Structures are given as C-alpha cells and as structure tokens.
PDB file of all heavy atoms in Angstrom:
ATOM      1  N   SER A   1      39.373 112.458  55.964  1.00  0.00           N
ATOM      2  CA  SER A   1      40.187 112.123  54.790  1.00  0.00           C
ATOM      3  C   SER A   1      40.593 110.655  54.852  1.00  0.00           C
ATOM      4  O   SER A   1      40.968 110.118  55.912  1.00  0.00           O
ATOM      5  CB  SER A   1      41.450 112.986  54.742  1.00  0.00           C
ATOM      6  OG  SER A   1      42.332 112.532  53.721  1.00  0.00           O
ATOM      7  N   SER A   2      40.539 109.982  53.699  1.00  0.00           N
ATOM      8  CA  SER A   2      40.921 108.578  53.604  1.00  0.00           C
ATOM      9  C   SER A   2      42.344 108.396  53.090  1.00  0.00           C
ATOM     10  O   SER A   2      42.773 107.273  52.808  1.00  0.00           O
ATOM     11  CB  SER A   2      39.937 107.813  52.736  1.00  0.00           C
ATOM     12  OG  SER A   2      39.947 108.329  51.420  1.00  0.00           O
ATOM     13  N   ILE A   3      43.086 109.461  52.961  1.00  0.00           N
ATOM     14  CA  ILE A   3      44.443 109.393  52.416  1.00  0.00           C
ATOM     15  C   ILE A   3      45.318 108.484  53.318  1.00  0.00           C
ATOM     16  O   ILE A   3      45.207 108.509  54.546  1.00  0.00           O
ATOM     17  CB  ILE A   3      45.071 110.796  52.285  1.00  0.00           C
ATOM     18  CG1 ILE A   3      46.356 110.746  51.447  1.00  0.00           C
ATOM     19  CG2 ILE A   3      45.333 111.413  53.659  1.00  0.00           C
ATOM     20  CD1 ILE A   3      46.901 112.114  51.082  1.00  0.00           C
ATOM     21  N   ILE A   4      46.154 107.707  52.675  1.00  0.00           N
ATOM     22  CA  ILE A   4      47.154 106.900  53.374  1.00  0.00           C
ATOM     23  C   ILE A   4      48.462 107.625  53.321  1.00  0.00           C
ATOM     24  O   ILE A   4      48.953 107.991  52.253  1.00  0.00           O
ATOM     25  CB  ILE A   4      47.322 105.514  52.710  1.00  0.00           C
ATOM     26  CG1 ILE A   4      46.002 104.703  52.862  1.00  0.00           C
ATOM     27  CG2 ILE A   4      48.491 104.744  53.335  1.00  0.00           C
ATOM     28  CD1 ILE A   4      46.004 103.401  52.055  1.00  0.00           C
ATOM     29  N   SER A   5      49.071 107.872  54.469  1.00  0.00           N
ATOM     30  CA  SER A   5      50.384 108.520  54.522  1.00  0.00           C
ATOM     31  C   SER A   5      51.434 107.467  54.798  1.00  0.00           C
ATOM     32  O   SER A   5      51.242 106.593  55.646  1.00  0.00           O
ATOM     33  CB  SER A   5      50.418 109.623  55.598  1.00  0.00           C
ATOM     34  OG  SER A   5      50.121 109.091  56.863  1.00  0.00           O
ATOM     35  N   ARG A   6      52.536 107.553  54.075  1.00  0.00           N
ATOM     36  CA  ARG A   6      53.565 106.539  54.188  1.00  0.00           C
ATOM     37  C   ARG A   6      54.954 107.172  54.152  1.00  0.00           C
ATOM     38  O   ARG A   6      55.208 108.030  53.323  1.00  0.00           O
ATOM     39  CB  ARG A   6      53.446 105.503  53.043  1.00  0.00           C
ATOM     40  CG  ARG A   6      54.504 104.386  53.074  1.00  0.00           C
ATOM     41  CD  ARG A   6      54.464 103.558  51.793  1.00  0.00           C
ATOM     42  NE  ARG A   6      53.122 103.088  51.535  1.00  0.00           N
ATOM     43  CZ  ARG A   6      52.600 102.929  50.323  1.00  0.00           C
ATOM     44  NH1 ARG A   6      53.319 103.219  49.252  1.00  0.00           N
ATOM     45  NH2 ARG A   6      51.369 102.485  50.185  1.00  0.00           N
ATOM     46  N   VAL A   7      55.819 106.743  55.026  1.00  0.00           N
ATOM     47  CA  VAL A   7      57.257 107.060  54.903  1.00  0.00           C
ATOM     48  C   VAL A   7      57.895 105.829  54.263  1.00  0.00           C
ATOM     49  O   VAL A   7      57.748 104.706  54.750  1.00  0.00           O
ATOM     50  CB  VAL A   7      57.883 107.361  56.275  1.00  0.00           C
ATOM     51  CG1 VAL A   7      59.401 107.241  56.191  1.00  0.00           C
ATOM     52  CG2 VAL A   7      57.517 108.757  56.748  1.00  0.00           C
ATOM     53  N   SER A   8      58.566 106.065  53.155  1.00  0.00           N
ATOM     54  CA  SER A   8      59.161 104.961  52.436  1.00  0.00           C
ATOM     55  C   SER A   8      60.608 105.305  52.129  1.00  0.00           C
ATOM     56  O   SER A   8      60.924 106.389  51.613  1.00  0.00           O
ATOM     57  CB  SER A   8      58.402 104.699  51.128  1.00  0.00           C
ATOM     58  OG  SER A   8      58.965 103.610  50.422  1.00  0.00           O
ATOM     59  N   GLY A   9      61.505 104.386  52.428  1.00  0.00           N
ATOM     60  CA  GLY A   9      62.924 104.602  52.168  1.00  0.00           C
ATOM     61  C   GLY A   9      63.502 103.520  51.295  1.00  0.00           C
ATOM     62  O   GLY A   9      62.879 102.463  51.084  1.00  0.00           O
ATOM     63  N   VAL A  10      64.668 103.777  50.740  1.00  0.00           N
ATOM     64  CA  VAL A  10      65.410 102.809  49.952  1.00  0.00           C
ATOM     65  C   VAL A  10      66.368 102.076  50.906  1.00  0.00           C
ATOM     66  O   VAL A  10      67.148 102.710  51.603  1.00  0.00           O
ATOM     67  CB  VAL A  10      66.189 103.482  48.808  1.00  0.00           C
ATOM     68  CG1 VAL A  10      67.042 102.471  48.057  1.00  0.00           C
ATOM     69  CG2 VAL A  10      65.253 104.200  47.876  1.00  0.00           C
ATOM     70  N   LYS A  11      66.273 100.758  50.945  1.00  0.00           N
ATOM     71  CA  LYS A  11      67.146  99.962  51.829  1.00  0.00           C
ATOM     72  C   LYS A  11      68.513  99.874  51.170  1.00  0.00           C
ATOM     73  O   LYS A  11      68.797  99.026  50.357  1.00  0.00           O
ATOM     74  CB  LYS A  11      66.558  98.576  52.038  1.00  0.00           C
ATOM     75  CG  LYS A  11      67.296  97.768  53.115  1.00  0.00           C
ATOM     76  CD  LYS A  11      67.102  98.415  54.484  1.00  0.00           C
ATOM     77  CE  LYS A  11      67.624  97.533  55.625  1.00  0.00           C
ATOM     78  NZ  LYS A  11      69.095  97.420  55.676  1.00  0.00           N
ATOM     79  N   PHE A  12      69.380 100.828  51.581  1.00  0.00           N
ATOM     80  CA  PHE A  12      70.630 101.032  50.899  1.00  0.00           C
ATOM     81  C   PHE A  12      71.825 100.598  51.750  1.00  0.00           C
ATOM     82  O   PHE A  12      72.838 100.123  51.220  1.00  0.00           O
ATOM     83  CB  PHE A  12      70.765 102.520  50.551  1.00  0.00           C
ATOM     84  CG  PHE A  12      72.016 102.913  49.839  1.00  0.00           C
ATOM     85  CD1 PHE A  12      72.209 102.598  48.505  1.00  0.00           C
ATOM     86  CD2 PHE A  12      73.009 103.609  50.518  1.00  0.00           C
ATOM     87  CE1 PHE A  12      73.386 102.972  47.853  1.00  0.00           C
ATOM     88  CE2 PHE A  12      74.186 103.974  49.860  1.00  0.00           C
ATOM     89  CZ  PHE A  12      74.359 103.675  48.527  1.00  0.00           C
ATOM     90  N   ALA A  13      71.738 100.766  53.061  1.00  0.00           N
ATOM     91  CA  ALA A  13      72.878 100.520  53.952  1.00  0.00           C
ATOM     92  C   ALA A  13      72.475  99.604  55.109  1.00  0.00           C
ATOM     93  O   ALA A  13      71.314  99.598  55.531  1.00  0.00           O
ATOM     94  CB  ALA A  13      73.441 101.819  54.484  1.00  0.00           C
ATOM     95  N   LYS A  14      73.419  98.853  55.622  1.00  0.00           N
ATOM     96  CA  LYS A  14      73.138  97.915  56.697  1.00  0.00           C
ATOM     97  C   LYS A  14      72.694  98.632  57.989  1.00  0.00           C
ATOM     98  O   LYS A  14      72.020  98.033  58.834  1.00  0.00           O
ATOM     99  CB  LYS A  14      74.357  97.030  56.966  1.00  0.00           C
ATOM    100  CG  LYS A  14      75.591  97.805  57.432  1.00  0.00           C
ATOM    101  CD  LYS A  14      76.761  96.873  57.661  1.00  0.00           C
ATOM    102  CE  LYS A  14      78.013  97.646  58.121  1.00  0.00           C
ATOM    103  NZ  LYS A  14      79.174  96.746  58.343  1.00  0.00           N
ATOM    104  N   GLU A  15      73.058  99.894  58.122  1.00  0.00           N
ATOM    105  CA  GLU A  15      72.688 100.659  59.316  1.00  0.00           C
ATOM    106  C   GLU A  15      71.210 100.980  59.375  1.00  0.00           C
ATOM    107  O   GLU A  15      70.681 101.323  60.453  1.00  0.00           O
ATOM    108  CB  GLU A  15      73.489 101.961  59.391  1.00  0.00           C
ATOM    109  CG  GLU A  15      74.998 101.783  59.574  1.00  0.00           C
ATOM    110  CD  GLU A  15      75.730 101.607  58.254  1.00  0.00           C
ATOM    111  OE1 GLU A  15      75.046 101.551  57.192  1.00  0.00           O
ATOM    112  OE2 GLU A  15      76.962 101.519  58.251  1.00  0.00           O
ATOM    113  N   GLN A  16      70.530 100.894  58.252  1.00  0.00           N
ATOM    114  CA  GLN A  16      69.109 101.215  58.235  1.00  0.00           C
ATOM    115  C   GLN A  16      68.296 100.114  58.890  1.00  0.00           C
ATOM    116  O   GLN A  16      68.525  98.928  58.631  1.00  0.00           O
ATOM    117  CB  GLN A  16      68.628 101.398  56.773  1.00  0.00           C
ATOM    118  CG  GLN A  16      69.198 102.601  56.081  1.00  0.00           C
ATOM    119  CD  GLN A  16      68.928 102.560  54.602  1.00  0.00           C
ATOM    120  OE1 GLN A  16      69.611 101.854  53.858  1.00  0.00           O
ATOM    121  NE2 GLN A  16      67.902 103.299  54.149  1.00  0.00           N
ATOM    122  N   SER A  17      67.307 100.501  59.687  1.00  0.00           N
ATOM    123  CA  SER A  17      66.502  99.539  60.409  1.00  0.00           C
ATOM    124  C   SER A  17      65.033  99.914  60.296  1.00  0.00           C
ATOM    125  O   SER A  17      64.658 101.069  60.591  1.00  0.00           O
ATOM    126  CB  SER A  17      66.915  99.499  61.896  1.00  0.00           C
ATOM    127  OG  SER A  17      65.927  98.919  62.695  1.00  0.00           O
ATOM    128  N   LEU A  18      64.200  98.974  59.893  1.00  0.00           N
ATOM    129  CA  LEU A  18      62.764  99.226  59.838  1.00  0.00           C
ATOM    130  C   LEU A  18      62.186  99.511  61.195  1.00  0.00           C
ATOM    131  O   LEU A  18      61.302 100.348  61.359  1.00  0.00           O
ATOM    132  CB  LEU A  18      62.038  98.021  59.194  1.00  0.00           C
ATOM    133  CG  LEU A  18      60.548  98.202  58.917  1.00  0.00           C
ATOM    134  CD1 LEU A  18      60.273  99.408  57.996  1.00  0.00           C
ATOM    135  CD2 LEU A  18      59.955  96.929  58.328  1.00  0.00           C
ATOM    136  N   ASP A  19      62.717  98.826  62.237  1.00  0.00           N
ATOM    137  CA  ASP A  19      62.239  99.084  63.587  1.00  0.00           C
ATOM    138  C   ASP A  19      62.550 100.512  64.021  1.00  0.00           C
ATOM    139  O   ASP A  19      61.707 101.172  64.630  1.00  0.00           O
ATOM    140  CB  ASP A  19      62.893  98.091  64.582  1.00  0.00           C
ATOM    141  CG  ASP A  19      62.347  96.672  64.413  1.00  0.00           C
ATOM    142  OD1 ASP A  19      61.230  96.521  63.871  1.00  0.00           O
ATOM    143  OD2 ASP A  19      63.046  95.722  64.817  1.00  0.00           O
ATOM    144  N   ASP A  20      63.752 100.979  63.718  1.00  0.00           N
ATOM    145  CA  ASP A  20      64.114 102.362  64.041  1.00  0.00           C
ATOM    146  C   ASP A  20      63.205 103.340  63.300  1.00  0.00           C
ATOM    147  O   ASP A  20      62.765 104.349  63.854  1.00  0.00           O
ATOM    148  CB  ASP A  20      65.567 102.638  63.678  1.00  0.00           C
ATOM    149  CG  ASP A  20      66.538 101.967  64.632  1.00  0.00           C
ATOM    150  OD1 ASP A  20      66.122 101.521  65.710  1.00  0.00           O
ATOM    151  OD2 ASP A  20      67.754 101.860  64.258  1.00  0.00           O
ATOM    152  N   MET A  21      62.962 103.030  62.032  1.00  0.00           N
ATOM    153  CA  MET A  21      62.082 103.892  61.241  1.00  0.00           C
ATOM    154  C   MET A  21      60.695 103.962  61.841  1.00  0.00           C
ATOM    155  O   MET A  21      60.091 105.050  61.922  1.00  0.00           O
ATOM    156  CB  MET A  21      62.016 103.358  59.804  1.00  0.00           C
ATOM    157  CG  MET A  21      63.298 103.448  59.017  1.00  0.00           C
ATOM    158  SD  MET A  21      63.658 105.122  58.455  1.00  0.00           S
ATOM    159  CE  MET A  21      62.503 105.277  57.089  1.00  0.00           C
ATOM    160  N   GLU A  22      60.161 102.839  62.274  1.00  0.00           N
ATOM    161  CA  GLU A  22      58.833 102.837  62.852  1.00  0.00           C
ATOM    162  C   GLU A  22      58.763 103.586  64.169  1.00  0.00           C
ATOM    163  O   GLU A  22      57.764 104.242  64.462  1.00  0.00           O
ATOM    164  CB  GLU A  22      58.350 101.387  63.011  1.00  0.00           C
ATOM    165  CG  GLU A  22      58.011 100.709  61.670  1.00  0.00           C
ATOM    166  CD  GLU A  22      57.521  99.302  61.835  1.00  0.00           C
ATOM    167  OE1 GLU A  22      57.908  98.638  62.829  1.00  0.00           O
ATOM    168  OE2 GLU A  22      56.768  98.841  60.970  1.00  0.00           O
ATOM    169  N   ARG A  23      59.839 103.509  64.940  1.00  0.00           N
ATOM    170  CA  ARG A  23      59.844 104.260  66.201  1.00  0.00           C
ATOM    171  C   ARG A  23      59.841 105.774  65.970  1.00  0.00           C
ATOM    172  O   ARG A  23      59.192 106.519  66.695  1.00  0.00           O
ATOM    173  CB  ARG A  23      61.084 103.849  67.032  1.00  0.00           C
ATOM    174  CG  ARG A  23      60.920 102.570  67.797  1.00  0.00           C
ATOM    175  CD  ARG A  23      62.025 102.358  68.807  1.00  0.00           C
ATOM    176  NE  ARG A  23      63.287 102.065  68.175  1.00  0.00           N
ATOM    177  CZ  ARG A  23      63.692 100.821  67.887  1.00  0.00           C
ATOM    178  NH1 ARG A  23      62.918  99.790  68.197  1.00  0.00           N
ATOM    179  NH2 ARG A  23      64.869 100.614  67.321  1.00  0.00           N
ATOM    180  N   THR A  24      60.554 106.200  64.939  1.00  0.00           N
ATOM    181  CA  THR A  24      60.647 107.640  64.676  1.00  0.00           C
ATOM    182  C   THR A  24      59.446 108.157  63.889  1.00  0.00           C
ATOM    183  O   THR A  24      58.878 109.191  64.203  1.00  0.00           O
ATOM    184  CB  THR A  24      61.932 107.944  63.873  1.00  0.00           C
ATOM    185  OG1 THR A  24      63.064 107.613  64.695  1.00  0.00           O
ATOM    186  CG2 THR A  24      62.008 109.408  63.480  1.00  0.00           C
ATOM    187  N   TRP A  25      59.029 107.425  62.867  1.00  0.00           N
ATOM    188  CA  TRP A  25      58.030 107.915  61.935  1.00  0.00           C
ATOM    189  C   TRP A  25      56.621 107.362  62.189  1.00  0.00           C
ATOM    190  O   TRP A  25      55.655 107.920  61.718  1.00  0.00           O
ATOM    191  CB  TRP A  25      58.433 107.536  60.496  1.00  0.00           C
ATOM    192  CG  TRP A  25      59.693 108.132  60.027  1.00  0.00           C
ATOM    193  CD1 TRP A  25      60.928 107.543  59.956  1.00  0.00           C
ATOM    194  CD2 TRP A  25      59.896 109.482  59.543  1.00  0.00           C
ATOM    195  NE1 TRP A  25      61.881 108.421  59.458  1.00  0.00           N
ATOM    196  CE2 TRP A  25      61.262 109.617  59.204  1.00  0.00           C
ATOM    197  CE3 TRP A  25      59.052 110.580  59.362  1.00  0.00           C
ATOM    198  CZ2 TRP A  25      61.808 110.783  58.685  1.00  0.00           C
ATOM    199  CZ3 TRP A  25      59.591 111.766  58.858  1.00  0.00           C
ATOM    200  CH2 TRP A  25      60.969 111.854  58.532  1.00  0.00           C
ATOM    201  N   GLY A  26      56.546 106.241  62.935  1.00  0.00           N
ATOM    202  CA  GLY A  26      55.280 105.542  63.071  1.00  0.00           C
ATOM    203  C   GLY A  26      54.143 106.386  63.642  1.00  0.00           C
ATOM    204  O   GLY A  26      52.966 106.210  63.276  1.00  0.00           O
ATOM    205  N   GLY A  27      54.482 107.318  64.524  1.00  0.00           N
ATOM    206  CA  GLY A  27      53.447 108.167  65.115  1.00  0.00           C
ATOM    207  C   GLY A  27      52.966 109.292  64.216  1.00  0.00           C
ATOM    208  O   GLY A  27      51.991 109.975  64.544  1.00  0.00           O
ATOM    209  N   LEU A  28      53.691 109.479  63.105  1.00  0.00           N
ATOM    210  CA  LEU A  28      53.349 110.612  62.207  1.00  0.00           C
ATOM    211  C   LEU A  28      52.657 110.156  60.913  1.00  0.00           C
ATOM    212  O   LEU A  28      52.055 110.990  60.233  1.00  0.00           O
ATOM    213  CB  LEU A  28      54.651 111.342  61.814  1.00  0.00           C
ATOM    214  CG  LEU A  28      55.455 111.943  62.979  1.00  0.00           C
ATOM    215  CD1 LEU A  28      56.740 112.588  62.439  1.00  0.00           C
ATOM    216  CD2 LEU A  28      54.629 112.969  63.743  1.00  0.00           C
ATOM    217  N   VAL A  29      52.766 108.899  60.570  1.00  0.00           N
ATOM    218  CA  VAL A  29      52.201 108.387  59.324  1.00  0.00           C
ATOM    219  C   VAL A  29      51.491 107.080  59.567  1.00  0.00           C
ATOM    220  O   VAL A  29      51.643 106.445  60.609  1.00  0.00           O
ATOM    221  CB  VAL A  29      53.288 108.210  58.245  1.00  0.00           C
ATOM    222  CG1 VAL A  29      53.889 109.563  57.841  1.00  0.00           C
ATOM    223  CG2 VAL A  29      54.378 107.241  58.713  1.00  0.00           C
ATOM    224  N   ASP A  30      50.713 106.647  58.559  1.00  0.00           N
ATOM    225  CA  ASP A  30      49.968 105.386  58.655  1.00  0.00           C
ATOM    226  C   ASP A  30      50.850 104.169  58.414  1.00  0.00           C
ATOM    227  O   ASP A  30      50.592 103.104  58.967  1.00  0.00           O
ATOM    228  CB  ASP A  30      48.830 105.383  57.650  1.00  0.00           C
ATOM    229  CG  ASP A  30      47.887 106.560  57.822  1.00  0.00           C
ATOM    230  OD1 ASP A  30      47.512 106.842  58.976  1.00  0.00           O
ATOM    231  OD2 ASP A  30      47.517 107.194  56.836  1.00  0.00           O
ATOM    232  N   GLN A  31      51.852 104.337  57.553  1.00  0.00           N
ATOM    233  CA  GLN A  31      52.677 103.197  57.158  1.00  0.00           C
ATOM    234  C   GLN A  31      54.154 103.615  57.106  1.00  0.00           C
ATOM    235  O   GLN A  31      54.469 104.745  56.749  1.00  0.00           O
ATOM    236  CB  GLN A  31      52.245 102.679  55.781  1.00  0.00           C
ATOM    237  CG  GLN A  31      50.798 102.243  55.679  1.00  0.00           C
ATOM    238  CD  GLN A  31      50.405 101.911  54.231  1.00  0.00           C
ATOM    239  OE1 GLN A  31      51.195 102.079  53.297  1.00  0.00           O
ATOM    240  NE2 GLN A  31      49.183 101.424  54.081  1.00  0.00           N
ATOM    241  N   VAL A  32      55.006 102.662  57.396  1.00  0.00           N
ATOM    242  CA  VAL A  32      56.453 102.843  57.208  1.00  0.00           C
ATOM    243  C   VAL A  32      56.957 101.678  56.402  1.00  0.00           C
ATOM    244  O   VAL A  32      56.592 100.514  56.647  1.00  0.00           O
ATOM    245  CB  VAL A  32      57.192 102.894  58.570  1.00  0.00           C
ATOM    246  CG1 VAL A  32      58.690 103.040  58.358  1.00  0.00           C
ATOM    247  CG2 VAL A  32      56.664 104.048  59.409  1.00  0.00           C
ATOM    248  N   ALA A  33      57.800 101.956  55.418  1.00  0.00           N
ATOM    249  CA  ALA A  33      58.235 100.875  54.508  1.00  0.00           C
ATOM    250  C   ALA A  33      59.633 101.135  53.976  1.00  0.00           C
ATOM    251  O   ALA A  33      60.131 102.265  53.980  1.00  0.00           O
ATOM    252  CB  ALA A  33      57.258 100.772  53.349  1.00  0.00           C
TER     253      ALA A  33
END
C-alpha cells in the first residue's frame, strides 16, 4: 500500500510539543504534524 498515514494536531496550547508527538506517534505513522 502507498497510503501515507499522518497524525495531525491543532497547535492550541504551549504544552504541546512536536518532539513529544514524534516520540509517541512516530513509530505508528509516516508523518507527524
């Protein structure tokens, strides 16, 4: 399958971190954003 899987969030609060997101979700999807 050539499907691209992505976890995408709304940057709403200062506590949100792209690095944290990538550590948690990066192994499950192709992209984190």
